[in-house]
Amino acid sequence: MVEQEILSQADLDKLLHINEFLEQKQEDSLVSEIKLAILDSGQLELRQWQALRAQIREIEELIPHIDLIIKLKKET
C-alpha cells in the first residue's frame, strides 16, 4: 500500500505563494525592487534598510539548503 502525503491548506497556500513569487515578471521581482531602492536610496529610511538587510541575511542562511534540494532533485 502506498502512503499518500496530504497537504494542509496552509501548506498549499505557502506553495502557491512561493510559485507566484517565483513566476513574477522580471521587472516585478524582489531583485528589481531592491535595485530600484538602491538607485533611489532615499526611498527607504535607515530602519527599513536594516529590516531589508535582516531579511536578506535570512535568505542567505537558506541558500545552502536550497542548493542541496536542487542537487538532490537533479540526481533523481
C-alpha atoms as a PDB file:
ATOM      1  CA  MET A   1       0.000   0.000   0.000  1.00  0.00           C
ATOM      2  CA  VAL A   2       1.356   3.426  -0.967  1.00  0.00           C
ATOM      3  CA  GLU A   3       1.113   6.155   1.637  1.00  0.00           C
ATOM      4  CA  GLN A   4      -0.161   9.447   0.338  1.00  0.00           C
ATOM      5  CA  GLU A   5       1.150  12.668   1.740  1.00  0.00           C
ATOM      6  CA  ILE A   6      -1.691  15.059   2.483  1.00  0.00           C
ATOM      7  CA  LEU A   7      -1.056  18.769   2.261  1.00  0.00           C
ATOM      8  CA  SER A   8      -2.846  21.089   4.597  1.00  0.00           C
ATOM      9  CA  GLN A   9      -4.478  24.226   3.273  1.00  0.00           C
ATOM     10  CA  ALA A  10      -1.687  26.245   4.892  1.00  0.00           C
ATOM     11  CA  ASP A  11       0.947  24.157   3.065  1.00  0.00           C
ATOM     12  CA  LEU A  12      -0.905  24.605  -0.200  1.00  0.00           C
ATOM     13  CA  ASP A  13      -1.190  28.356   0.352  1.00  0.00           C
ATOM     14  CA  LYS A  14       2.553  28.566   1.026  1.00  0.00           C
ATOM     15  CA  LEU A  15       3.360  26.616  -2.140  1.00  0.00           C
ATOM     16  CA  LEU A  16       1.089  28.797  -4.240  1.00  0.00           C
ATOM     17  CA  HIS A  17       2.620  31.938  -2.762  1.00  0.00           C
ATOM     18  CA  ILE A  18       6.152  30.679  -3.471  1.00  0.00           C
ATOM     19  CA  ASN A  19       5.235  29.717  -7.035  1.00  0.00           C
ATOM     20  CA  GLU A  20       3.556  33.074  -7.607  1.00  0.00           C
ATOM     21  CA  PHE A  21       6.639  34.859  -6.275  1.00  0.00           C
ATOM     22  CA  LEU A  22       8.993  32.817  -8.477  1.00  0.00           C
ATOM     23  CA  GLU A  23       6.896  33.308 -11.612  1.00  0.00           C
ATOM     24  CA  GLN A  24       6.703  37.085 -11.328  1.00  0.00           C
ATOM     25  CA  LYS A  25       7.864  39.053 -14.305  1.00  0.00           C
ATOM     26  CA  GLN A  26      11.496  40.119 -14.086  1.00  0.00           C
ATOM     27  CA  GLU A  27      10.582  43.781 -13.663  1.00  0.00           C
ATOM     28  CA  ASP A  28       8.330  42.888 -10.690  1.00  0.00           C
ATOM     29  CA  SER A  29      10.858  40.663  -8.934  1.00  0.00           C
ATOM     30  CA  LEU A  30      12.294  41.194  -5.494  1.00  0.00           C
ATOM     31  CA  VAL A  31      15.718  41.780  -7.030  1.00  0.00           C
ATOM     32  CA  SER A  32      14.430  44.524  -9.314  1.00  0.00           C
ATOM     33  CA  GLU A  33      12.648  46.186  -6.378  1.00  0.00           C
ATOM     34  CA  ILE A  34      15.879  46.157  -4.360  1.00  0.00           C
ATOM     35  CA  LYS A  35      17.817  47.575  -7.330  1.00  0.00           C
ATOM     36  CA  LEU A  36      15.306  50.403  -7.679  1.00  0.00           C
ATOM     37  CA  ALA A  37      15.537  51.152  -3.966  1.00  0.00           C
ATOM     38  CA  ILE A  38      19.345  51.238  -4.185  1.00  0.00           C
ATOM     39  CA  LEU A  39      19.240  53.597  -7.138  1.00  0.00           C
ATOM     40  CA  ASP A  40      16.946  55.858  -5.136  1.00  0.00           C
ATOM     41  CA  SER A  41      18.412  55.225  -1.690  1.00  0.00           C
ATOM     42  CA  GLY A  42      16.277  57.989  -0.229  1.00  0.00           C
ATOM     43  CA  GLN A  43      13.251  55.811  -0.943  1.00  0.00           C
ATOM     44  CA  LEU A  44      13.809  53.865   2.299  1.00  0.00           C
ATOM     45  CA  GLU A  45      14.594  55.041   5.816  1.00  0.00           C
ATOM     46  CA  LEU A  46      17.511  53.603   7.786  1.00  0.00           C
ATOM     47  CA  ARG A  47      15.299  51.255   9.788  1.00  0.00           C
ATOM     48  CA  GLN A  48      13.785  49.954   6.544  1.00  0.00           C
ATOM     49  CA  TRP A  49      17.270  49.316   5.088  1.00  0.00           C
ATOM     50  CA  GLN A  50      18.151  47.465   8.285  1.00  0.00           C
ATOM     51  CA  ALA A  51      14.982  45.362   8.107  1.00  0.00           C
ATOM     52  CA  LEU A  52      15.658  44.595   4.442  1.00  0.00           C
ATOM     53  CA  ARG A  53      19.215  43.539   5.264  1.00  0.00           C
ATOM     54  CA  ALA A  54      17.966  41.273   8.075  1.00  0.00           C
ATOM     55  CA  GLN A  55      15.576  39.557   5.652  1.00  0.00           C
ATOM     56  CA  ILE A  56      18.324  39.136   3.072  1.00  0.00           C
ATOM     57  CA  ARG A  57      20.565  37.630   5.777  1.00  0.00           C
ATOM     58  CA  GLU A  58      17.839  35.060   6.482  1.00  0.00           C
ATOM     59  CA  ILE A  59      17.681  34.218   2.764  1.00  0.00           C
ATOM     60  CA  GLU A  60      21.476  33.846   2.705  1.00  0.00           C
ATOM     61  CA  GLU A  61      21.210  31.286   5.512  1.00  0.00           C
ATOM     62  CA  LEU A  62      18.680  29.282   3.476  1.00  0.00           C
ATOM     63  CA  ILE A  63      20.735  29.196   0.268  1.00  0.00           C
ATOM     64  CA  PRO A  64      22.798  26.107   1.209  1.00  0.00           C
ATOM     65  CA  HIS A  65      19.579  24.202   1.891  1.00  0.00           C
ATOM     66  CA  ILE A  66      18.091  25.320  -1.425  1.00  0.00           C
ATOM     67  CA  ASP A  67      21.303  24.288  -3.203  1.00  0.00           C
ATOM     68  CA  LEU A  68      21.104  20.856  -1.564  1.00  0.00           C
ATOM     69  CA  ILE A  69      17.484  20.395  -2.656  1.00  0.00           C
ATOM     70  CA  ILE A  70      18.404  21.363  -6.232  1.00  0.00           C
ATOM     71  CA  LYS A  71      21.334  18.934  -6.221  1.00  0.00           C
ATOM     72  CA  LEU A  72      19.221  16.063  -4.885  1.00  0.00           C
ATOM     73  CA  LYS A  73      16.390  16.707  -7.344  1.00  0.00           C
ATOM     74  CA  LYS A  74      18.862  16.722 -10.255  1.00  0.00           C
ATOM     75  CA  GLU A  75      20.215  13.357  -9.141  1.00  0.00           C
ATOM     76  CA  THR A  76      16.814  11.672  -9.162  1.00  0.00           C
END
